[in-house]
Structures are given as structure tokens and as C-alpha cells.
N, C-alpha and C. Protein backbone atom coordinates (compact mmCIF):
# COMPACT_ATOMS: atom_id res chain seq x y z
N MET A 1 207.90 128.34 63.29
CA MET A 1 206.91 127.32 62.98
C MET A 1 205.94 127.13 64.14
N ALA A 2 206.45 127.16 65.36
CA ALA A 2 205.58 126.98 66.53
C ALA A 2 204.59 128.14 66.64
N LYS A 3 205.03 129.35 66.28
CA LYS A 3 204.15 130.51 66.31
C LYS A 3 203.00 130.35 65.32
N ILE A 4 203.30 129.84 64.13
CA ILE A 4 202.28 129.63 63.10
C ILE A 4 201.26 128.61 63.59
N ILE A 5 201.74 127.53 64.14
CA ILE A 5 200.83 126.50 64.62
C ILE A 5 199.96 127.02 65.75
N SER A 6 200.52 127.79 66.67
CA SER A 6 199.72 128.32 67.77
C SER A 6 198.68 129.33 67.25
N ASP A 7 199.04 130.12 66.23
CA ASP A 7 198.08 131.05 65.63
C ASP A 7 196.93 130.31 64.96
N VAL A 8 197.25 129.24 64.26
CA VAL A 8 196.21 128.44 63.60
C VAL A 8 195.30 127.82 64.65
N TRP A 9 195.87 127.30 65.73
CA TRP A 9 195.02 126.69 66.75
C TRP A 9 194.14 127.70 67.45
N GLU A 10 194.60 128.93 67.57
CA GLU A 10 193.74 129.98 68.13
C GLU A 10 192.53 130.23 67.23
N ILE A 11 192.76 130.26 65.94
CA ILE A 11 191.67 130.45 64.99
C ILE A 11 190.71 129.26 65.05
N ILE A 12 191.26 128.06 65.09
CA ILE A 12 190.43 126.86 65.14
C ILE A 12 189.57 126.87 66.41
N GLU A 13 190.17 127.18 67.54
CA GLU A 13 189.41 127.21 68.80
C GLU A 13 188.31 128.26 68.77
N LYS A 14 188.58 129.38 68.12
CA LYS A 14 187.59 130.45 68.07
C LYS A 14 186.39 130.09 67.19
N TYR A 15 186.62 129.41 66.07
CA TYR A 15 185.56 129.19 65.09
C TYR A 15 185.08 127.75 64.96
N GLN A 16 185.68 126.83 65.68
CA GLN A 16 185.31 125.43 65.50
C GLN A 16 183.84 125.16 65.80
N TYR A 17 183.31 125.79 66.81
CA TYR A 17 181.91 125.56 67.18
C TYR A 17 181.04 126.80 66.95
N SER A 18 181.50 127.69 66.11
CA SER A 18 180.79 128.94 65.85
C SER A 18 179.50 128.70 65.07
N ARG A 19 178.40 129.14 65.64
CA ARG A 19 177.11 129.01 64.96
C ARG A 19 176.98 130.04 63.85
N GLU A 20 177.64 131.19 63.99
CA GLU A 20 177.55 132.23 62.97
C GLU A 20 178.15 131.75 61.65
N LEU A 21 179.11 130.87 61.73
CA LEU A 21 179.77 130.37 60.52
C LEU A 21 178.93 129.32 59.82
N ARG A 22 177.85 128.87 60.46
CA ARG A 22 176.98 127.85 59.86
C ARG A 22 175.59 128.41 59.58
N LYS A 23 175.50 129.66 59.28
CA LYS A 23 174.21 130.32 59.11
C LYS A 23 173.33 129.64 58.05
N TYR A 24 173.86 129.41 56.87
CA TYR A 24 173.08 128.80 55.80
C TYR A 24 173.28 127.29 55.73
N ALA A 25 174.41 126.80 56.22
CA ALA A 25 174.66 125.36 56.19
C ALA A 25 173.64 124.61 57.04
N ASP A 26 173.33 125.15 58.21
CA ASP A 26 172.32 124.50 59.05
C ASP A 26 170.94 124.55 58.40
N LYS A 27 170.67 125.59 57.67
CA LYS A 27 169.36 125.74 57.04
C LYS A 27 169.18 124.80 55.85
N HIS A 28 170.20 124.62 55.04
CA HIS A 28 170.06 123.87 53.79
C HIS A 28 170.70 122.49 53.79
N PHE A 29 171.65 122.23 54.68
CA PHE A 29 172.35 120.95 54.67
C PHE A 29 172.37 120.29 56.05
N PHE A 30 171.37 120.55 56.88
CA PHE A 30 171.33 119.97 58.21
C PHE A 30 171.21 118.45 58.09
N ASN A 31 172.09 117.72 58.76
CA ASN A 31 172.16 116.25 58.73
C ASN A 31 172.41 115.69 57.34
N ASP A 32 172.98 116.47 56.45
CA ASP A 32 173.34 116.00 55.11
C ASP A 32 174.84 116.22 54.94
N ASN A 33 175.59 115.16 55.06
CA ASN A 33 177.05 115.25 55.00
C ASN A 33 177.62 115.01 53.62
N SER A 34 176.79 114.95 52.61
CA SER A 34 177.27 114.61 51.27
C SER A 34 178.27 115.64 50.74
N TYR A 35 178.02 116.92 50.95
CA TYR A 35 178.95 117.93 50.45
C TYR A 35 180.21 117.97 51.32
N PHE A 36 180.06 117.80 52.61
CA PHE A 36 181.19 117.82 53.53
C PHE A 36 182.23 116.77 53.14
N ARG A 37 181.76 115.59 52.73
CA ARG A 37 182.67 114.51 52.34
C ARG A 37 183.46 114.84 51.09
N LYS A 38 182.92 115.68 50.22
CA LYS A 38 183.57 115.99 48.95
C LYS A 38 184.71 117.00 49.08
N VAL A 39 184.78 117.72 50.17
CA VAL A 39 185.79 118.77 50.35
C VAL A 39 187.03 118.14 50.99
N ASN A 40 188.12 118.07 50.23
CA ASN A 40 189.34 117.45 50.73
C ASN A 40 190.62 118.18 50.37
N SER A 41 190.52 119.29 49.64
CA SER A 41 191.73 120.00 49.23
C SER A 41 191.44 121.49 49.08
N ASN A 42 192.51 122.23 48.88
CA ASN A 42 192.37 123.67 48.63
C ASN A 42 191.53 123.93 47.39
N GLN A 43 191.66 123.08 46.38
CA GLN A 43 190.89 123.25 45.14
C GLN A 43 189.40 123.15 45.40
N ASP A 44 189.00 122.25 46.27
CA ASP A 44 187.58 122.10 46.59
C ASP A 44 187.05 123.35 47.29
N VAL A 45 187.85 123.92 48.16
CA VAL A 45 187.45 125.15 48.86
C VAL A 45 187.37 126.30 47.86
N GLU A 46 188.34 126.39 46.97
CA GLU A 46 188.33 127.45 45.96
C GLU A 46 187.14 127.30 45.02
N ARG A 47 186.77 126.08 44.71
CA ARG A 47 185.60 125.83 43.86
C ARG A 47 184.32 126.32 44.55
N ALA A 48 184.21 126.07 45.85
CA ALA A 48 183.04 126.54 46.59
C ALA A 48 183.03 128.07 46.66
N LYS A 49 184.21 128.66 46.84
CA LYS A 49 184.31 130.13 46.87
C LYS A 49 183.93 130.72 45.52
N ALA A 50 184.40 130.13 44.46
CA ALA A 50 184.05 130.61 43.11
C ALA A 50 182.55 130.46 42.88
N GLY A 51 181.95 129.39 43.38
CA GLY A 51 180.52 129.17 43.20
C GLY A 51 179.69 130.27 43.83
N ILE A 52 180.02 130.66 45.05
CA ILE A 52 179.23 131.70 45.71
C ILE A 52 179.47 133.05 45.05
N TYR A 53 180.72 133.36 44.69
CA TYR A 53 180.99 134.67 44.09
C TYR A 53 180.41 134.78 42.68
N ASN A 54 180.41 133.69 41.93
CA ASN A 54 179.78 133.73 40.60
C ASN A 54 178.28 133.96 40.72
N ARG A 55 177.65 133.32 41.69
CA ARG A 55 176.22 133.51 41.87
C ARG A 55 175.91 134.93 42.36
N LEU A 56 176.75 135.45 43.25
CA LEU A 56 176.54 136.83 43.71
C LEU A 56 176.58 137.80 42.55
N GLU A 57 177.56 137.64 41.67
CA GLU A 57 177.67 138.52 40.50
C GLU A 57 176.49 138.32 39.56
N GLN A 58 176.07 137.10 39.38
CA GLN A 58 174.94 136.80 38.49
C GLN A 58 173.66 137.44 39.00
N TYR A 59 173.39 137.28 40.29
CA TYR A 59 172.12 137.78 40.83
C TYR A 59 172.11 139.28 41.05
N LYS A 60 173.26 139.93 41.03
CA LYS A 60 173.28 141.39 41.06
C LYS A 60 172.65 141.97 39.80
N LYS A 61 172.74 141.21 38.69
CA LYS A 61 172.24 141.68 37.40
C LYS A 61 170.81 141.24 37.11
N VAL A 62 170.25 140.37 37.95
CA VAL A 62 168.92 139.82 37.71
C VAL A 62 167.87 140.71 38.38
N PHE A 63 166.86 141.04 37.60
CA PHE A 63 165.73 141.78 38.16
C PHE A 63 164.46 141.32 37.45
N PRO A 64 163.47 140.96 38.10
CA PRO A 64 163.30 140.84 39.55
C PRO A 64 163.82 139.50 40.06
N LEU A 65 164.26 139.51 41.30
CA LEU A 65 164.68 138.28 41.95
C LEU A 65 163.45 137.49 42.39
N VAL A 66 163.54 136.18 42.32
CA VAL A 66 162.46 135.33 42.81
C VAL A 66 163.00 134.49 43.97
N GLN A 67 162.12 133.82 44.66
CA GLN A 67 162.53 133.05 45.84
C GLN A 67 163.52 131.94 45.49
N ASP A 68 163.38 131.33 44.33
CA ASP A 68 164.33 130.28 43.92
C ASP A 68 165.74 130.83 43.76
N ASP A 69 165.88 132.08 43.34
CA ASP A 69 167.19 132.71 43.24
C ASP A 69 167.84 132.82 44.62
N ILE A 70 167.05 133.23 45.59
CA ILE A 70 167.55 133.38 46.96
C ILE A 70 167.95 132.02 47.52
N ILE A 71 167.15 131.00 47.28
CA ILE A 71 167.47 129.66 47.77
C ILE A 71 168.77 129.16 47.13
N ASP A 72 168.93 129.39 45.84
CA ASP A 72 170.16 128.98 45.15
C ASP A 72 171.37 129.71 45.73
N LEU A 73 171.22 130.97 45.98
CA LEU A 73 172.30 131.77 46.55
C LEU A 73 172.64 131.31 47.97
N GLU A 74 171.63 131.03 48.77
CA GLU A 74 171.87 130.55 50.13
C GLU A 74 172.54 129.18 50.12
N ARG A 75 172.16 128.31 49.18
CA ARG A 75 172.79 126.99 49.10
C ARG A 75 174.26 127.12 48.71
N ALA A 76 174.58 128.04 47.82
CA ALA A 76 175.98 128.26 47.44
C ALA A 76 176.78 128.80 48.64
N ALA A 77 176.17 129.70 49.40
CA ALA A 77 176.82 130.22 50.60
C ALA A 77 177.01 129.09 51.61
N ALA A 78 176.03 128.21 51.71
CA ALA A 78 176.12 127.07 52.63
C ALA A 78 177.27 126.14 52.23
N GLN A 79 177.44 125.93 50.95
CA GLN A 79 178.54 125.08 50.50
C GLN A 79 179.89 125.69 50.84
N TYR A 80 180.00 127.00 50.71
CA TYR A 80 181.26 127.65 51.10
C TYR A 80 181.47 127.55 52.60
N GLU A 81 180.41 127.74 53.38
CA GLU A 81 180.52 127.59 54.83
C GLU A 81 181.00 126.19 55.20
N ILE A 82 180.43 125.19 54.54
CA ILE A 82 180.81 123.80 54.82
C ILE A 82 182.27 123.57 54.46
N ALA A 83 182.72 124.12 53.35
CA ALA A 83 184.12 123.97 52.95
C ALA A 83 185.04 124.60 53.98
N VAL A 84 184.68 125.78 54.47
CA VAL A 84 185.50 126.45 55.49
C VAL A 84 185.50 125.65 56.79
N LYS A 85 184.34 125.14 57.17
CA LYS A 85 184.25 124.33 58.38
C LYS A 85 185.10 123.06 58.25
N LYS A 86 185.15 122.48 57.07
CA LYS A 86 185.97 121.29 56.87
C LYS A 86 187.44 121.64 57.05
N VAL A 87 187.86 122.79 56.53
CA VAL A 87 189.25 123.22 56.73
C VAL A 87 189.53 123.40 58.21
N ILE A 88 188.60 124.00 58.93
CA ILE A 88 188.78 124.22 60.37
C ILE A 88 188.87 122.89 61.10
N GLN A 89 187.99 121.95 60.77
CA GLN A 89 187.96 120.68 61.49
C GLN A 89 189.10 119.75 61.10
N CYS A 90 189.57 119.83 59.87
CA CYS A 90 190.54 118.84 59.38
C CYS A 90 191.85 119.48 58.95
N TRP A 91 192.20 120.60 59.54
CA TRP A 91 193.40 121.32 59.11
C TRP A 91 194.65 120.45 59.21
N ASP A 92 194.76 119.65 60.25
CA ASP A 92 195.96 118.83 60.44
C ASP A 92 195.72 117.36 60.13
N ASN A 93 194.63 117.05 59.48
CA ASN A 93 194.31 115.67 59.13
C ASN A 93 195.18 115.21 57.96
N PRO A 94 195.87 114.09 58.09
CA PRO A 94 196.75 113.65 57.00
C PRO A 94 195.99 113.15 55.76
N HIS A 95 194.68 112.93 55.88
CA HIS A 95 193.89 112.45 54.75
C HIS A 95 193.29 113.58 53.92
N THR A 96 193.58 114.79 54.30
CA THR A 96 193.12 115.95 53.53
C THR A 96 194.34 116.72 53.05
N ASP A 97 194.11 117.60 52.07
CA ASP A 97 195.22 118.33 51.47
C ASP A 97 194.96 119.83 51.58
N PHE A 98 194.90 120.33 52.82
CA PHE A 98 194.69 121.76 53.05
C PHE A 98 196.03 122.39 53.38
N ASN A 99 196.44 123.34 52.55
CA ASN A 99 197.72 124.03 52.74
C ASN A 99 197.47 125.53 52.75
N TYR A 100 197.09 126.06 53.90
CA TYR A 100 196.83 127.49 54.02
C TYR A 100 197.77 128.09 55.05
N SER A 101 198.22 129.30 54.76
CA SER A 101 198.97 130.04 55.76
C SER A 101 197.98 130.59 56.79
N VAL A 102 198.48 131.15 57.85
CA VAL A 102 197.61 131.71 58.88
C VAL A 102 196.72 132.81 58.30
N GLU A 103 197.30 133.67 57.46
CA GLU A 103 196.55 134.78 56.87
C GLU A 103 195.48 134.26 55.92
N GLU A 104 195.83 133.27 55.11
CA GLU A 104 194.85 132.70 54.18
C GLU A 104 193.73 132.00 54.94
N PHE A 105 194.09 131.32 56.01
CA PHE A 105 193.12 130.61 56.83
C PHE A 105 192.11 131.60 57.44
N GLN A 106 192.62 132.69 58.00
CA GLN A 106 191.75 133.73 58.56
C GLN A 106 190.94 134.38 57.45
N GLY A 107 191.53 134.55 56.28
CA GLY A 107 190.83 135.15 55.15
C GLY A 107 189.65 134.31 54.70
N LEU A 108 189.77 132.99 54.73
CA LEU A 108 188.64 132.12 54.37
C LEU A 108 187.45 132.39 55.27
N ILE A 109 187.71 132.51 56.55
CA ILE A 109 186.64 132.73 57.52
C ILE A 109 186.02 134.11 57.32
N GLU A 110 186.85 135.12 57.11
CA GLU A 110 186.33 136.47 56.89
C GLU A 110 185.50 136.53 55.62
N LEU A 111 185.90 135.80 54.58
CA LEU A 111 185.12 135.76 53.34
C LEU A 111 183.75 135.13 53.56
N ALA A 112 183.67 134.16 54.44
CA ALA A 112 182.37 133.54 54.74
C ALA A 112 181.43 134.59 55.34
N PHE A 113 181.93 135.39 56.27
CA PHE A 113 181.09 136.43 56.87
C PHE A 113 180.76 137.53 55.86
N GLU A 114 181.69 137.82 54.96
CA GLU A 114 181.44 138.79 53.89
C GLU A 114 180.33 138.28 52.97
N CYS A 115 180.36 136.99 52.68
CA CYS A 115 179.31 136.39 51.85
C CYS A 115 177.95 136.50 52.53
N HIS A 116 177.92 136.33 53.85
CA HIS A 116 176.66 136.49 54.57
C HIS A 116 176.08 137.88 54.34
N ASP A 117 176.94 138.88 54.43
CA ASP A 117 176.48 140.26 54.23
C ASP A 117 175.95 140.47 52.81
N LYS A 118 176.67 139.94 51.83
CA LYS A 118 176.24 140.12 50.44
C LYS A 118 174.95 139.38 50.14
N VAL A 119 174.78 138.19 50.70
CA VAL A 119 173.53 137.45 50.52
C VAL A 119 172.39 138.23 51.17
N ASN A 120 172.64 138.77 52.36
CA ASN A 120 171.62 139.56 53.05
C ASN A 120 171.20 140.78 52.23
N GLU A 121 172.15 141.41 51.55
CA GLU A 121 171.82 142.55 50.69
C GLU A 121 170.86 142.14 49.58
N LEU A 122 171.12 140.98 48.96
CA LEU A 122 170.22 140.53 47.89
C LEU A 122 168.87 140.08 48.42
N VAL A 123 168.85 139.50 49.62
CA VAL A 123 167.57 139.13 50.25
C VAL A 123 166.76 140.39 50.53
N TYR A 124 167.43 141.41 51.01
CA TYR A 124 166.77 142.68 51.28
C TYR A 124 166.26 143.31 49.99
N ARG A 125 167.08 143.24 48.94
CA ARG A 125 166.64 143.77 47.64
C ARG A 125 165.40 143.05 47.13
N LYS A 126 165.36 141.74 47.30
CA LYS A 126 164.19 140.98 46.88
C LYS A 126 162.97 141.37 47.70
N ALA A 127 163.17 141.57 48.98
CA ALA A 127 162.05 141.96 49.85
C ALA A 127 161.51 143.33 49.46
N MET A 128 162.39 144.23 49.05
CA MET A 128 161.96 145.59 48.68
C MET A 128 161.27 145.61 47.32
N GLN A 129 161.58 144.67 46.45
CA GLN A 129 160.95 144.67 45.13
C GLN A 129 159.55 144.06 45.18
N ASP A 130 159.25 143.29 46.22
CA ASP A 130 157.93 142.65 46.31
C ASP A 130 156.85 143.60 46.70
């Protein structure tokens, strides 16, 4: 148990103040804590993850992409980033219901960076179609 806790704290220390993890959150939700307050459980994080992946699949099939599509996609990515940041900040908070193993916790963060890459691909695709 002590090993698990030390592994989680290593992850928290590494990503707690990471600017890379807030790429779209700072752009679309700067000084807006309304979404941050809504994330309190694993279900909320999974909902944010489903939101970004559903939009990614949807916009892969859309041609031509318009700027509003990119903004919608970035906002969904921002919501997932905020959900992951809430897990990082409140992992041991008794008022939240986050139950992730070390591997799942690391996986959430890796998925956020994967989403950044996929959003960038669609932004690039939109730029090439113009």
C-alpha cells in the first residue's frame, strides 16, 4: 500500500503544475471554474473522456471542417484536461470520489496528451483544406 501511495505522489508531483496538461484549458476556461466544480467522481472524468473521443470520431468524418468545429473540439479537450487536473489536485480529498489505481491514474494523463495529438491532427487537416 505504501508503494502505491508513493507512486501516486510521484505522478502528482510531476504533473500538478504542468503547463502542457493545460494546453486547451487555459485557452478556453481561463478563470472559469464552473466545469472544475462539477468534476467529483470517476464517472465525471469518464464523461469528459467520452465527450472528447466522441467529438474526435465525429470530426474525422466531417469535411470540410470549419473554425467552430475546431473550437468545439478544443473545448472538449479542455474539459478532459480539467477533469484530469481535478483528479491530480484532489486525489486524496475526502469530498471527492476518485478511485484510480496507479496505472489508471497514469493512463488518464497519457490520454490527455494523446488527445492533444489527435486535436492537432484535425487542426492541421483544417489548415490544409483552406
